[in-house]
Protein backbone atom coordinates (compact mmCIF):
# COMPACT_ATOMS: atom_id res chain seq x y z
CA GLY A 1 56.42 20.09 83.27
CA LEU A 2 57.56 16.60 82.34
CA VAL A 3 56.97 15.24 85.83
CA VAL A 4 53.44 16.66 85.91
CA LEU A 5 52.69 15.16 82.47
CA GLY A 6 54.03 11.81 83.68
CA SER A 7 51.80 12.01 86.76
CA LEU A 8 48.73 12.85 84.66
CA THR A 9 49.47 9.94 82.31
CA ALA A 10 49.94 7.58 85.25
CA ARG A 11 46.69 8.77 86.84
CA ARG A 12 44.79 8.29 83.57
CA MET A 13 46.20 4.79 83.15
CA PHE A 14 45.34 3.97 86.76
CA GLY A 15 41.81 5.33 86.24
CA ARG A 16 41.34 3.19 83.11
CA GLU A 17 42.58 0.12 84.98
CA LEU A 18 40.11 0.74 87.81
CA ALA A 19 37.28 1.23 85.32
CA ALA A 20 38.19 -2.06 83.59
CA ARG A 21 38.19 -3.87 86.95
CA ASP A 22 34.77 -2.41 87.75
CA ARG A 23 33.43 -3.64 84.38
CA ILE A 24 34.80 -7.14 85.00
CA ALA A 25 33.36 -7.19 88.53
CA GLY A 26 30.01 -6.12 87.09
CA ILE A 27 30.09 -9.00 84.62
CA LEU A 28 31.01 -11.49 87.35
CA GLU A 29 28.15 -10.25 89.53
CA CYS A 30 25.53 -10.93 86.87
CA THR A 31 26.73 -14.41 85.84
CA SER A 32 24.75 -17.44 86.98
CA ASP A 33 27.98 -19.07 88.21
CA ALA A 34 29.34 -18.57 91.66
CA VAL A 35 32.80 -17.01 91.32
CA CYS A 36 35.66 -16.96 93.81
CA THR A 37 39.22 -15.81 93.13
CA LEU A 38 42.23 -16.66 95.24
CA ASP A 39 45.69 -15.19 95.53
CA ALA A 40 48.90 -17.27 95.55
CA ASN A 41 48.51 -17.86 99.31
CA TRP A 42 44.96 -19.25 98.99
CA GLY A 43 43.45 -15.97 100.24
CA VAL A 44 40.02 -15.07 98.84
CA THR A 45 40.27 -11.91 96.73
CA TYR A 46 36.80 -11.91 95.13
CA PHE A 47 33.50 -13.60 96.03
CA ASN A 48 30.43 -12.77 93.96
CA ARG A 49 26.82 -12.64 95.10
CA ARG A 50 26.01 -16.11 93.69
CA ALA A 51 28.96 -17.55 95.65
CA SER A 52 27.59 -15.89 98.78
CA ASP A 53 24.19 -17.44 98.14
CA LEU A 54 25.57 -20.96 97.65
CA ALA A 55 28.06 -20.77 100.53
CA GLY A 56 25.72 -19.01 102.93
CA LEU A 57 28.40 -16.42 103.67
CA VAL A 58 28.59 -12.76 102.72
CA SER A 59 31.70 -11.58 100.91
CA SER A 60 32.86 -9.46 103.88
CA GLU A 61 33.12 -12.70 105.93
CA VAL A 62 35.24 -14.33 103.23
CA LEU A 63 37.48 -11.71 101.62
CA GLY A 64 41.10 -11.85 102.74
CA ARG A 65 40.66 -15.18 104.53
CA GLU A 66 42.35 -18.42 103.52
CA LEU A 67 40.32 -21.01 101.59
CA TRP A 68 41.38 -23.89 103.87
CA THR A 69 40.38 -21.95 107.01
CA LEU A 70 36.97 -21.06 105.60
CA TRP A 71 36.19 -24.54 104.29
CA PRO A 72 38.33 -27.08 106.16
CA GLU A 73 35.90 -29.84 105.15
CA VAL A 74 37.30 -29.80 101.59
CA MET A 75 40.68 -30.99 102.88
CA GLY A 76 41.33 -34.52 101.67
CA THR A 77 38.65 -34.33 98.96
CA ARG A 78 38.72 -33.99 95.22
CA PHE A 79 38.16 -30.26 95.68
CA GLU A 80 41.53 -29.92 97.43
CA GLU A 81 43.26 -32.22 94.95
CA GLU A 82 42.04 -30.28 91.91
CA TYR A 83 42.60 -26.82 93.42
CA ARG A 84 46.17 -27.71 94.35
CA ARG A 85 46.68 -29.05 90.82
CA VAL A 86 45.56 -25.71 89.33
CA MET A 87 47.98 -23.81 91.55
CA ALA A 88 50.95 -26.17 91.05
CA GLU A 89 50.60 -27.06 87.36
CA ARG A 90 48.81 -23.86 86.21
CA VAL A 91 46.19 -25.90 84.33
CA THR A 92 42.43 -25.54 84.02
CA VAL A 93 40.27 -28.24 85.60
CA HIS A 94 36.62 -29.20 85.34
CA PHE A 95 34.88 -31.68 87.62
CA GLU A 96 31.65 -32.51 89.41
CA GLU A 97 31.73 -33.61 93.02
CA TRP A 98 29.33 -34.27 95.90
CA TYR A 99 29.70 -31.58 98.58
CA ALA A 100 28.48 -33.37 101.70
CA PRO A 101 28.24 -30.37 104.10
CA LYS A 102 25.60 -28.72 101.89
CA LYS A 103 24.19 -32.01 100.54
CA ARG A 104 24.56 -30.94 96.93
CA TRP A 105 26.40 -31.77 93.73
CA VAL A 106 28.76 -29.03 92.57
CA GLU A 107 30.18 -28.49 89.09
CA VAL A 108 33.53 -26.70 89.21
CA ASN A 109 35.68 -24.98 86.61
CA ALA A 110 38.92 -23.68 88.06
CA CYS A 111 41.76 -21.99 86.22
CA PRO A 112 44.95 -20.04 86.88
CA TYR A 113 44.32 -16.33 87.38
CA GLY A 114 47.27 -14.05 87.96
CA GLU A 115 49.41 -15.67 90.64
CA GLY A 116 46.36 -17.44 92.09
CA MET A 117 43.25 -18.99 90.62
CA ALA A 118 39.62 -18.39 89.72
CA ILE A 119 36.93 -20.87 90.70
CA PHE A 120 33.59 -20.92 88.91
CA PHE A 121 31.04 -23.25 90.48
CA ARG A 122 27.35 -24.06 90.41
CA ASP A 123 24.85 -26.33 92.11
CA VAL A 124 23.97 -29.17 89.71
CA THR A 125 22.05 -31.33 92.21
CA GLU A 126 18.78 -31.15 90.27
CA ARG A 127 20.46 -32.16 87.01
CA LYS A 128 22.23 -35.06 88.73
CA GLN A 129 18.93 -36.22 90.25
CA GLN A 130 17.24 -36.11 86.83
CA GLN A 131 20.15 -38.04 85.32
CA SER A 132 19.86 -40.67 88.07
CA GLU A 133 16.11 -40.94 87.47
CA ARG A 134 16.69 -41.45 83.72
CA GLU A 135 19.28 -44.14 84.42
CA ARG A 136 16.88 -45.89 86.83
CA LEU A 137 14.05 -45.80 84.29
CA ILE A 138 16.27 -47.21 81.51
CA ALA A 139 17.54 -49.98 83.81
CA GLU A 140 13.98 -50.92 84.80
CA LEU A 141 12.94 -50.90 81.14
CA GLU A 142 15.82 -53.20 80.16
CA VAL A 143 14.92 -55.65 82.96
CA ALA A 144 11.24 -55.66 81.98
CA LEU A 145 12.03 -56.19 78.30
CA ALA A 146 14.53 -58.97 79.04
CA ALA A 147 11.94 -60.74 81.19
CA GLY A 148 9.21 -60.27 78.56
CA ALA A 149 7.21 -58.39 81.16
CA LEU A 150 6.80 -55.01 79.49
CA GLY A 151 3.18 -53.96 79.48
CA SER A 152 3.34 -50.22 78.89
CA ILE A 153 5.74 -47.36 79.28
CA ASP A 154 4.87 -44.49 81.60
CA ALA A 155 6.96 -41.61 80.35
CA ASN A 156 5.66 -39.19 82.98
CA THR A 157 8.35 -39.77 85.57
CA GLY A 158 7.94 -36.42 87.32
CA ASP A 159 4.98 -37.31 89.56
CA GLU A 160 4.25 -40.79 90.86
CA LEU A 161 0.67 -39.84 91.79
CA ILE A 162 -0.40 -38.56 88.39
CA GLY A 163 0.91 -41.43 86.30
CA TRP A 164 0.40 -41.55 82.56
CA ASP A 165 -1.94 -39.05 80.95
CA THR A 166 -2.86 -39.22 77.25
CA ASP A 167 -2.51 -35.48 76.76
CA GLN A 168 1.07 -35.40 78.06
CA PHE A 169 4.06 -36.36 75.99
CA PRO A 170 7.68 -36.91 76.96
CA THR A 171 9.53 -33.61 77.17
CA ASP A 172 13.03 -35.01 77.65
CA ILE A 173 14.29 -35.82 74.14
CA TYR A 174 17.39 -37.52 75.56
CA LEU A 175 15.32 -39.88 77.73
CA THR A 176 12.85 -40.55 74.92
CA SER A 177 15.71 -41.43 72.56
CA GLN A 178 17.23 -43.77 75.14
CA ILE A 179 13.88 -45.53 75.66
CA MET A 180 13.41 -45.95 71.91
CA LEU A 181 16.96 -47.32 71.55
CA VAL A 182 16.38 -49.91 74.30
CA LEU A 183 13.10 -50.95 72.68
CA LEU A 184 14.71 -51.30 69.27
CA LYS A 185 17.61 -53.34 70.67
CA MET A 186 15.11 -55.73 72.22
CA GLY A 187 13.13 -56.13 68.98
CA GLY A 188 10.62 -53.35 69.49
CA PHE A 189 6.97 -53.80 70.49
CA THR A 190 5.78 -57.19 69.26
CA THR A 191 2.22 -57.20 70.57
CA GLY A 192 -0.22 -54.75 72.00
CA GLY A 193 -1.20 -51.32 70.87
């Protein structure tokens, strides 16, 4: 009797644990981040659909294989440095790095998970390009103001062919604030309309 009760209890606990894992896997499948988990030997133990999309590999090609075998091009890069830091020091890291093989910027959050680690990553190339464009525009504005050569400001940076249109207004509050700050530092508009 006691052995049977123990077996039923163990089975129920095991069933609850499996159900909890299924719920977690369901959550990780619907997140916008790519998610990859590794065991203590760098073997891939989980690879969600978003990770498959970004890597161009299906999970069945990745699961059980070693990270360094799958992506040898990360050896000697910041990716390797930070991943090894997570495993050795058991700390969480966050960084953005250019991933040359896919020609994209990747934002990474990696943290200890069990004996291994979890890696959450996303493609941030578009954001980085927009940031670069904002920095270029501000630099050009500062040069024009310093030279006294500012005629007008074209805030429509998205399309070189369209140019400035009176019914369009800046939609990037951060960029607009930066432009206003540069103008104020340089004494504002002194002539013109």
